[in-house]
Amino acid sequence: TYKLSCSVSNVICSIVFGKRYDYKDKKFVALM
């Protein structure tokens, strides 16, 4: 569940923010 959620969220982040995050990145984990 978490890994799949991270991958989908990262695609959205890449489109919206122009960058992806490491799955353990503190800002990304907080966003999730």
PDB file of all heavy atoms in Angstrom:
ATOM      1  N   THR A   1       0.820  -1.221   0.000  1.00  0.00           N
ATOM      2  CA  THR A   1       0.000   0.000   0.000  1.00  0.00           C
ATOM      3  C   THR A   1       0.849   1.264   0.000  1.00  0.00           C
ATOM      4  O   THR A   1       0.674   2.149  -0.843  1.00  0.00           O
ATOM      5  CB  THR A   1      -0.944   0.018   1.209  1.00  0.00           C
ATOM      6  OG1 THR A   1      -1.709  -1.179   1.223  1.00  0.00           O
ATOM      7  CG2 THR A   1      -1.889   1.218   1.143  1.00  0.00           C
ATOM      8  N   TYR A   2       1.798   1.335   0.954  1.00  0.00           N
ATOM      9  CA  TYR A   2       2.568   2.579   1.095  1.00  0.00           C
ATOM     10  C   TYR A   2       3.465   2.818  -0.120  1.00  0.00           C
ATOM     11  O   TYR A   2       3.536   3.935  -0.643  1.00  0.00           O
ATOM     12  CB  TYR A   2       3.414   2.539   2.372  1.00  0.00           C
ATOM     13  CG  TYR A   2       4.212   3.797   2.594  1.00  0.00           C
ATOM     14  CD1 TYR A   2       3.586   4.985   2.964  1.00  0.00           C
ATOM     15  CD2 TYR A   2       5.596   3.809   2.398  1.00  0.00           C
ATOM     16  CE1 TYR A   2       4.313   6.153   3.150  1.00  0.00           C
ATOM     17  CE2 TYR A   2       6.329   4.973   2.576  1.00  0.00           C
ATOM     18  CZ  TYR A   2       5.681   6.140   2.957  1.00  0.00           C
ATOM     19  OH  TYR A   2       6.402   7.295   3.129  1.00  0.00           O
ATOM     20  N   LYS A   3       4.126   1.773  -0.599  1.00  0.00           N
ATOM     21  CA  LYS A   3       5.037   1.936  -1.735  1.00  0.00           C
ATOM     22  C   LYS A   3       4.270   2.361  -2.992  1.00  0.00           C
ATOM     23  O   LYS A   3       4.733   3.213  -3.763  1.00  0.00           O
ATOM     24  CB  LYS A   3       5.805   0.636  -1.991  1.00  0.00           C
ATOM     25  CG  LYS A   3       6.753   0.224  -0.853  1.00  0.00           C
ATOM     26  CD  LYS A   3       7.514  -1.037  -1.209  1.00  0.00           C
ATOM     27  CE  LYS A   3       8.214  -1.638  -0.004  1.00  0.00           C
ATOM     28  NZ  LYS A   3       9.205  -0.726   0.582  1.00  0.00           N
ATOM     29  N   LEU A   4       3.100   1.760  -3.204  1.00  0.00           N
ATOM     30  CA  LEU A   4       2.295   2.136  -4.368  1.00  0.00           C
ATOM     31  C   LEU A   4       1.790   3.570  -4.243  1.00  0.00           C
ATOM     32  O   LEU A   4       1.758   4.326  -5.218  1.00  0.00           O
ATOM     33  CB  LEU A   4       1.117   1.173  -4.534  1.00  0.00           C
ATOM     34  CG  LEU A   4       1.472  -0.248  -4.985  1.00  0.00           C
ATOM     35  CD1 LEU A   4       0.254  -1.152  -4.919  1.00  0.00           C
ATOM     36  CD2 LEU A   4       2.043  -0.244  -6.405  1.00  0.00           C
ATOM     37  N   SER A   5       1.388   3.941  -3.028  1.00  0.00           N
ATOM     38  CA  SER A   5       0.927   5.312  -2.793  1.00  0.00           C
ATOM     39  C   SER A   5       2.053   6.305  -3.061  1.00  0.00           C
ATOM     40  O   SER A   5       1.833   7.367  -3.651  1.00  0.00           O
ATOM     41  CB  SER A   5       0.424   5.475  -1.355  1.00  0.00           C
ATOM     42  OG  SER A   5      -0.689   4.654  -1.112  1.00  0.00           O
ATOM     43  N   CYS A   6       3.255   5.943  -2.620  1.00  0.00           N
ATOM     44  CA  CYS A   6       4.419   6.809  -2.857  1.00  0.00           C
ATOM     45  C   CYS A   6       4.671   6.996  -4.350  1.00  0.00           C
ATOM     46  O   CYS A   6       4.955   8.108  -4.814  1.00  0.00           O
ATOM     47  CB  CYS A   6       5.667   6.217  -2.202  1.00  0.00           C
ATOM     48  SG  CYS A   6       5.739   6.402  -0.414  1.00  0.00           S
ATOM     49  N   SER A   7       4.582   5.916  -5.101  1.00  0.00           N
ATOM     50  CA  SER A   7       4.878   5.998  -6.535  1.00  0.00           C
ATOM     51  C   SER A   7       3.861   6.879  -7.254  1.00  0.00           C
ATOM     52  O   SER A   7       4.227   7.724  -8.078  1.00  0.00           O
ATOM     53  CB  SER A   7       4.922   4.597  -7.157  1.00  0.00           C
ATOM     54  OG  SER A   7       3.660   3.975  -7.097  1.00  0.00           O
ATOM     55  N   VAL A   8       2.577   6.699  -6.940  1.00  0.00           N
ATOM     56  CA  VAL A   8       1.534   7.525  -7.568  1.00  0.00           C
ATOM     57  C   VAL A   8       1.708   8.988  -7.163  1.00  0.00           C
ATOM     58  O   VAL A   8       1.638   9.897  -7.999  1.00  0.00           O
ATOM     59  CB  VAL A   8       0.131   7.014  -7.176  1.00  0.00           C
ATOM     60  CG1 VAL A   8      -0.941   7.963  -7.701  1.00  0.00           C
ATOM     61  CG2 VAL A   8      -0.095   5.613  -7.720  1.00  0.00           C
ATOM     62  N   SER A   9       1.949   9.215  -5.875  1.00  0.00           N
ATOM     63  CA  SER A   9       2.122  10.586  -5.382  1.00  0.00           C
ATOM     64  C   SER A   9       3.336  11.254  -6.007  1.00  0.00           C
ATOM     65  O   SER A   9       3.319  12.453  -6.308  1.00  0.00           O
ATOM     66  CB  SER A   9       2.263  10.580  -3.856  1.00  0.00           C
ATOM     67  OG  SER A   9       1.087  10.084  -3.253  1.00  0.00           O
ATOM     68  N   ASN A  10       4.381  10.487  -6.235  1.00  0.00           N
ATOM     69  CA  ASN A  10       5.583  11.053  -6.831  1.00  0.00           C
ATOM     70  C   ASN A  10       5.369  11.468  -8.281  1.00  0.00           C
ATOM     71  O   ASN A  10       5.954  12.447  -8.750  1.00  0.00           O
ATOM     72  CB  ASN A  10       6.741  10.053  -6.736  1.00  0.00           C
ATOM     73  CG  ASN A  10       7.802  10.509  -5.748  1.00  0.00           C
ATOM     74  OD1 ASN A  10       7.944  11.688  -5.474  1.00  0.00           O
ATOM     75  ND2 ASN A  10       8.550   9.565  -5.223  1.00  0.00           N
ATOM     76  N   VAL A  11       4.537  10.728  -9.004  1.00  0.00           N
ATOM     77  CA  VAL A  11       4.217  11.137 -10.378  1.00  0.00           C
ATOM     78  C   VAL A  11       3.489  12.477 -10.344  1.00  0.00           C
ATOM     79  O   VAL A  11       3.783  13.393 -11.129  1.00  0.00           O
ATOM     80  CB  VAL A  11       3.355  10.068 -11.085  1.00  0.00           C
ATOM     81  CG1 VAL A  11       2.855  10.591 -12.434  1.00  0.00           C
ATOM     82  CG2 VAL A  11       4.148   8.782 -11.294  1.00  0.00           C
ATOM     83  N   ILE A  12       2.554  12.606  -9.402  1.00  0.00           N
ATOM     84  CA  ILE A  12       1.819  13.867  -9.262  1.00  0.00           C
ATOM     85  C   ILE A  12       2.770  14.994  -8.858  1.00  0.00           C
ATOM     86  O   ILE A  12       2.714  16.096  -9.406  1.00  0.00           O
ATOM     87  CB  ILE A  12       0.684  13.717  -8.224  1.00  0.00           C
ATOM     88  CG1 ILE A  12      -0.345  12.694  -8.724  1.00  0.00           C
ATOM     89  CG2 ILE A  12       0.006  15.066  -7.957  1.00  0.00           C
ATOM     90  CD1 ILE A  12      -1.381  12.295  -7.701  1.00  0.00           C
ATOM     91  N   CYS A  13       3.676  14.713  -7.908  1.00  0.00           N
ATOM     92  CA  CYS A  13       4.663  15.718  -7.487  1.00  0.00           C
ATOM     93  C   CYS A  13       5.542  16.138  -8.651  1.00  0.00           C
ATOM     94  O   CYS A  13       5.870  17.325  -8.815  1.00  0.00           O
ATOM     95  CB  CYS A  13       5.533  15.166  -6.355  1.00  0.00           C
ATOM     96  SG  CYS A  13       4.713  15.092  -4.745  1.00  0.00           S
ATOM     97  N   SER A  14       5.928  15.190  -9.481  1.00  0.00           N
ATOM     98  CA  SER A  14       6.774  15.486 -10.628  1.00  0.00           C
ATOM     99  C   SER A  14       6.068  16.427 -11.605  1.00  0.00           C
ATOM    100  O   SER A  14       6.681  17.354 -12.142  1.00  0.00           O
ATOM    101  CB  SER A  14       7.163  14.189 -11.333  1.00  0.00           C
ATOM    102  OG  SER A  14       7.962  14.435 -12.461  1.00  0.00           O
ATOM    103  N   ILE A  15       4.778  16.196 -11.805  1.00  0.00           N
ATOM    104  CA  ILE A  15       4.002  17.035 -12.721  1.00  0.00           C
ATOM    105  C   ILE A  15       3.739  18.413 -12.123  1.00  0.00           C
ATOM    106  O   ILE A  15       3.890  19.437 -12.786  1.00  0.00           O
ATOM    107  CB  ILE A  15       2.660  16.349 -13.077  1.00  0.00           C
ATOM    108  CG1 ILE A  15       2.908  15.068 -13.870  1.00  0.00           C
ATOM    109  CG2 ILE A  15       1.759  17.301 -13.863  1.00  0.00           C
ATOM    110  CD1 ILE A  15       1.694  14.169 -13.959  1.00  0.00           C
ATOM    111  N   VAL A  16       3.349  18.439 -10.843  1.00  0.00           N
ATOM    112  CA  VAL A  16       2.952  19.696 -10.211  1.00  0.00           C
ATOM    113  C   VAL A  16       4.160  20.513  -9.758  1.00  0.00           C
ATOM    114  O   VAL A  16       4.247  21.717 -10.022  1.00  0.00           O
ATOM    115  CB  VAL A  16       2.021  19.424  -9.008  1.00  0.00           C
ATOM    116  CG1 VAL A  16       1.672  20.726  -8.286  1.00  0.00           C
ATOM    117  CG2 VAL A  16       0.741  18.731  -9.471  1.00  0.00           C
ATOM    118  N   PHE A  17       5.109  19.868  -9.074  1.00  0.00           N
ATOM    119  CA  PHE A  17       6.239  20.575  -8.480  1.00  0.00           C
ATOM    120  C   PHE A  17       7.518  20.492  -9.317  1.00  0.00           C
ATOM    121  O   PHE A  17       8.490  21.189  -9.032  1.00  0.00           O
ATOM    122  CB  PHE A  17       6.545  20.024  -7.082  1.00  0.00           C
ATOM    123  CG  PHE A  17       5.375  20.063  -6.140  1.00  0.00           C
ATOM    124  CD1 PHE A  17       4.995  18.933  -5.432  1.00  0.00           C
ATOM    125  CD2 PHE A  17       4.658  21.233  -5.954  1.00  0.00           C
ATOM    126  CE1 PHE A  17       3.918  18.964  -4.554  1.00  0.00           C
ATOM    127  CE2 PHE A  17       3.584  21.280  -5.084  1.00  0.00           C
ATOM    128  CZ  PHE A  17       3.205  20.147  -4.382  1.00  0.00           C
ATOM    129  N   GLY A  18       7.530  19.593 -10.308  1.00  0.00           N
ATOM    130  CA  GLY A  18       8.708  19.463 -11.152  1.00  0.00           C
ATOM    131  C   GLY A  18       9.802  18.602 -10.563  1.00  0.00           C
ATOM    132  O   GLY A  18      10.930  18.623 -11.043  1.00  0.00           O
ATOM    133  N   LYS A  19       9.483  17.841  -9.505  1.00  0.00           N
ATOM    134  CA  LYS A  19      10.504  16.974  -8.902  1.00  0.00           C
ATOM    135  C   LYS A  19       9.829  15.828  -8.164  1.00  0.00           C
ATOM    136  O   LYS A  19       8.679  15.929  -7.747  1.00  0.00           O
ATOM    137  CB  LYS A  19      11.380  17.764  -7.928  1.00  0.00           C
ATOM    138  CG  LYS A  19      10.605  18.386  -6.768  1.00  0.00           C
ATOM    139  CD  LYS A  19      11.517  19.252  -5.913  1.00  0.00           C
ATOM    140  CE  LYS A  19      10.736  19.972  -4.827  1.00  0.00           C
ATOM    141  NZ  LYS A  19      11.551  20.924  -4.056  1.00  0.00           N
ATOM    142  N   ARG A  20      10.570  14.743  -8.036  1.00  0.00           N
ATOM    143  CA  ARG A  20      10.115  13.607  -7.243  1.00  0.00           C
ATOM    144  C   ARG A  20      10.879  13.594  -5.926  1.00  0.00           C
ATOM    145  O   ARG A  20      11.878  14.302  -5.762  1.00  0.00           O
ATOM    146  CB  ARG A  20      10.324  12.287  -7.990  1.00  0.00           C
ATOM    147  CG  ARG A  20      11.782  11.904  -8.161  1.00  0.00           C
ATOM    148  CD  ARG A  20      11.931  10.517  -8.752  1.00  0.00           C
ATOM    149  NE  ARG A  20      11.307   9.501  -7.917  1.00  0.00           N
ATOM    150  CZ  ARG A  20      11.868   8.985  -6.833  1.00  0.00           C
ATOM    151  NH1 ARG A  20      13.059   9.403  -6.421  1.00  0.00           N
ATOM    152  NH2 ARG A  20      11.253   8.052  -6.138  1.00  0.00           N
ATOM    153  N   TYR A  21      10.402  12.786  -4.977  1.00  0.00           N
ATOM    154  CA  TYR A  21      11.038  12.694  -3.666  1.00  0.00           C
ATOM    155  C   TYR A  21      11.440  11.255  -3.378  1.00  0.00           C
ATOM    156  O   TYR A  21      10.767  10.313  -3.824  1.00  0.00           O
ATOM    157  CB  TYR A  21      10.072  13.163  -2.563  1.00  0.00           C
ATOM    158  CG  TYR A  21       9.701  14.620  -2.629  1.00  0.00           C
ATOM    159  CD1 TYR A  21       8.617  15.041  -3.406  1.00  0.00           C
ATOM    160  CD2 TYR A  21      10.407  15.578  -1.915  1.00  0.00           C
ATOM    161  CE1 TYR A  21       8.260  16.381  -3.468  1.00  0.00           C
ATOM    162  CE2 TYR A  21      10.057  16.924  -1.957  1.00  0.00           C
ATOM    163  CZ  TYR A  21       8.979  17.314  -2.735  1.00  0.00           C
ATOM    164  OH  TYR A  21       8.623  18.637  -2.799  1.00  0.00           O
ATOM    165  N   ASP A  22      12.518  11.097  -2.629  1.00  0.00           N
ATOM    166  CA  ASP A  22      12.870   9.776  -2.123  1.00  0.00           C
ATOM    167  C   ASP A  22      11.761   9.311  -1.189  1.00  0.00           C
ATOM    168  O   ASP A  22      11.168  10.115  -0.468  1.00  0.00           O
ATOM    169  CB  ASP A  22      14.205   9.839  -1.370  1.00  0.00           C
ATOM    170  CG  ASP A  22      14.662   8.459  -0.925  1.00  0.00           C
ATOM    171  OD1 ASP A  22      15.309   7.772  -1.728  1.00  0.00           O
ATOM    172  OD2 ASP A  22      14.356   8.070   0.229  1.00  0.00           O
ATOM    173  N   TYR A  23      11.475   7.999  -1.202  1.00  0.00           N
ATOM    174  CA  TYR A  23      10.357   7.489  -0.409  1.00  0.00           C
ATOM    175  C   TYR A  23      10.546   7.702   1.091  1.00  0.00           C
ATOM    176  O   TYR A  23       9.583   7.631   1.857  1.00  0.00           O
ATOM    177  CB  TYR A  23      10.149   5.996  -0.679  1.00  0.00           C
ATOM    178  CG  TYR A  23       9.628   5.691  -2.073  1.00  0.00           C
ATOM    179  CD1 TYR A  23       9.391   4.379  -2.484  1.00  0.00           C
ATOM    180  CD2 TYR A  23       9.365   6.708  -2.987  1.00  0.00           C
ATOM    181  CE1 TYR A  23       8.919   4.090  -3.759  1.00  0.00           C
ATOM    182  CE2 TYR A  23       8.901   6.438  -4.250  1.00  0.00           C
ATOM    183  CZ  TYR A  23       8.683   5.130  -4.637  1.00  0.00           C
ATOM    184  OH  TYR A  23       8.215   4.860  -5.900  1.00  0.00           O
ATOM    185  N   LYS A  24      11.777   7.965   1.508  1.00  0.00           N
ATOM    186  CA  LYS A  24      12.043   8.185   2.935  1.00  0.00           C
ATOM    187  C   LYS A  24      12.297   9.665   3.251  1.00  0.00           C
ATOM    188  O   LYS A  24      12.607  10.004   4.398  1.00  0.00           O
ATOM    189  CB  LYS A  24      13.234   7.338   3.389  1.00  0.00           C
ATOM    190  CG  LYS A  24      12.968   5.841   3.367  1.00  0.00           C
ATOM    191  CD  LYS A  24      14.169   5.043   3.883  1.00  0.00           C
ATOM    192  CE  LYS A  24      13.854   3.550   3.948  1.00  0.00           C
ATOM    193  NZ  LYS A  24      13.555   2.969   2.645  1.00  0.00           N
ATOM    194  N   ASP A  25      12.181  10.522   2.251  1.00  0.00           N
ATOM    195  CA  ASP A  25      12.356  11.958   2.465  1.00  0.00           C
ATOM    196  C   ASP A  25      11.353  12.463   3.506  1.00  0.00           C
ATOM    197  O   ASP A  25      10.153  12.188   3.417  1.00  0.00           O
ATOM    198  CB  ASP A  25      12.149  12.698   1.144  1.00  0.00           C
ATOM    199  CG  ASP A  25      12.375  14.192   1.261  1.00  0.00           C
ATOM    200  OD1 ASP A  25      11.427  14.891   1.672  1.00  0.00           O
ATOM    201  OD2 ASP A  25      13.480  14.655   0.961  1.00  0.00           O
ATOM    202  N   LYS A  26      11.838  13.207   4.500  1.00  0.00           N
ATOM    203  CA  LYS A  26      10.974  13.622   5.613  1.00  0.00           C
ATOM    204  C   LYS A  26       9.805  14.485   5.138  1.00  0.00           C
ATOM    205  O   LYS A  26       8.673  14.323   5.603  1.00  0.00           O
ATOM    206  CB  LYS A  26      11.794  14.372   6.668  1.00  0.00           C
ATOM    207  CG  LYS A  26      12.720  13.477   7.477  1.00  0.00           C
ATOM    208  CD  LYS A  26      13.442  14.266   8.556  1.00  0.00           C
ATOM    209  CE  LYS A  26      14.342  13.337   9.380  1.00  0.00           C
ATOM    210  NZ  LYS A  26      15.082  14.098  10.427  1.00  0.00           N
ATOM    211  N   LYS A  27      10.061  15.420   4.221  1.00  0.00           N
ATOM    212  CA  LYS A  27       8.982  16.270   3.712  1.00  0.00           C
ATOM    213  C   LYS A  27       7.947  15.443   2.959  1.00  0.00           C
ATOM    214  O   LYS A  27       6.731  15.667   3.086  1.00  0.00           O
ATOM    215  CB  LYS A  27       9.557  17.342   2.778  1.00  0.00           C
ATOM    216  CG  LYS A  27      10.238  18.499   3.482  1.00  0.00           C
ATOM    217  CD  LYS A  27      10.775  19.514   2.485  1.00  0.00           C
ATOM    218  CE  LYS A  27       9.666  20.181   1.706  1.00  0.00           C
ATOM    219  NZ  LYS A  27      10.186  21.253   0.808  1.00  0.00           N
ATOM    220  N   PHE A  28       8.437  14.471   2.196  1.00  0.00           N
ATOM    221  CA  PHE A  28       7.526  13.631   1.413  1.00  0.00           C
ATOM    222  C   PHE A  28       6.695  12.731   2.320  1.00  0.00           C
ATOM    223  O   PHE A  28       5.479  12.584   2.127  1.00  0.00           O
ATOM    224  CB  PHE A  28       8.330  12.784   0.427  1.00  0.00           C
ATOM    225  CG  PHE A  28       7.490  11.974  -0.515  1.00  0.00           C
ATOM    226  CD1 PHE A  28       6.621  12.585  -1.400  1.00  0.00           C
ATOM    227  CD2 PHE A  28       7.581  10.578  -0.527  1.00  0.00           C
ATOM    228  CE1 PHE A  28       5.846  11.839  -2.285  1.00  0.00           C
ATOM    229  CE2 PHE A  28       6.811   9.826  -1.405  1.00  0.00           C
ATOM    230  CZ  PHE A  28       5.943  10.455  -2.279  1.00  0.00           C
ATOM    231  N   VAL A  29       7.332  12.133   3.333  1.00  0.00           N
ATOM    232  CA  VAL A  29       6.609  11.286   4.286  1.00  0.00           C
ATOM    233  C   VAL A  29       5.539  12.105   5.011  1.00  0.00           C
ATOM    234  O   VAL A  29       4.407  11.647   5.202  1.00  0.00           O
ATOM    235  CB  VAL A  29       7.585  10.644   5.301  1.00  0.00           C
ATOM    236  CG1 VAL A  29       6.816   9.947   6.425  1.00  0.00           C
ATOM    237  CG2 VAL A  29       8.502   9.652   4.600  1.00  0.00           C
ATOM    238  N   ALA A  30       5.898  13.341   5.391  1.00  0.00           N
ATOM    239  CA  ALA A  30       4.929  14.211   6.070  1.00  0.00           C
ATOM    240  C   ALA A  30       3.758  14.536   5.142  1.00  0.00           C
ATOM    241  O   ALA A  30       2.597  14.565   5.560  1.00  0.00           O
ATOM    242  CB  ALA A  30       5.617  15.497   6.523  1.00  0.00           C
ATOM    243  N   LEU A  31       4.062  14.765   3.834  1.00  0.00           N
ATOM    244  CA  LEU A  31       3.013  15.044   2.852  1.00  0.00           C
ATOM    245  C   LEU A  31       2.088  13.844   2.694  1.00  0.00           C
ATOM    246  O   LEU A  31       0.853  13.995   2.656  1.00  0.00           O
ATOM    247  CB  LEU A  31       3.645  15.405   1.510  1.00  0.00           C
ATOM    248  CG  LEU A  31       2.688  15.672   0.347  1.00  0.00           C
ATOM    249  CD1 LEU A  31       1.870  16.928   0.603  1.00  0.00           C
ATOM    250  CD2 LEU A  31       3.457  15.799  -0.974  1.00  0.00           C
ATOM    251  N   MET A  32       2.647  12.640   2.619  1.00  0.00           N
ATOM    252  CA  MET A  32       1.852  11.422   2.491  1.00  0.00           C
ATOM    253  C   MET A  32       0.938  11.240   3.700  1.00  0.00           C
ATOM    254  O   MET A  32      -0.249  10.933   3.566  1.00  0.00           O
ATOM    255  CB  MET A  32       2.771  10.205   2.347  1.00  0.00           C
ATOM    256  CG  MET A  32       3.582  10.178   1.068  1.00  0.00           C
ATOM    257  SD  MET A  32       2.564   9.854  -0.382  1.00  0.00           S
ATOM    258  CE  MET A  32       2.079   8.167  -0.058  1.00  0.00           C
TER     259      MET A  32
END
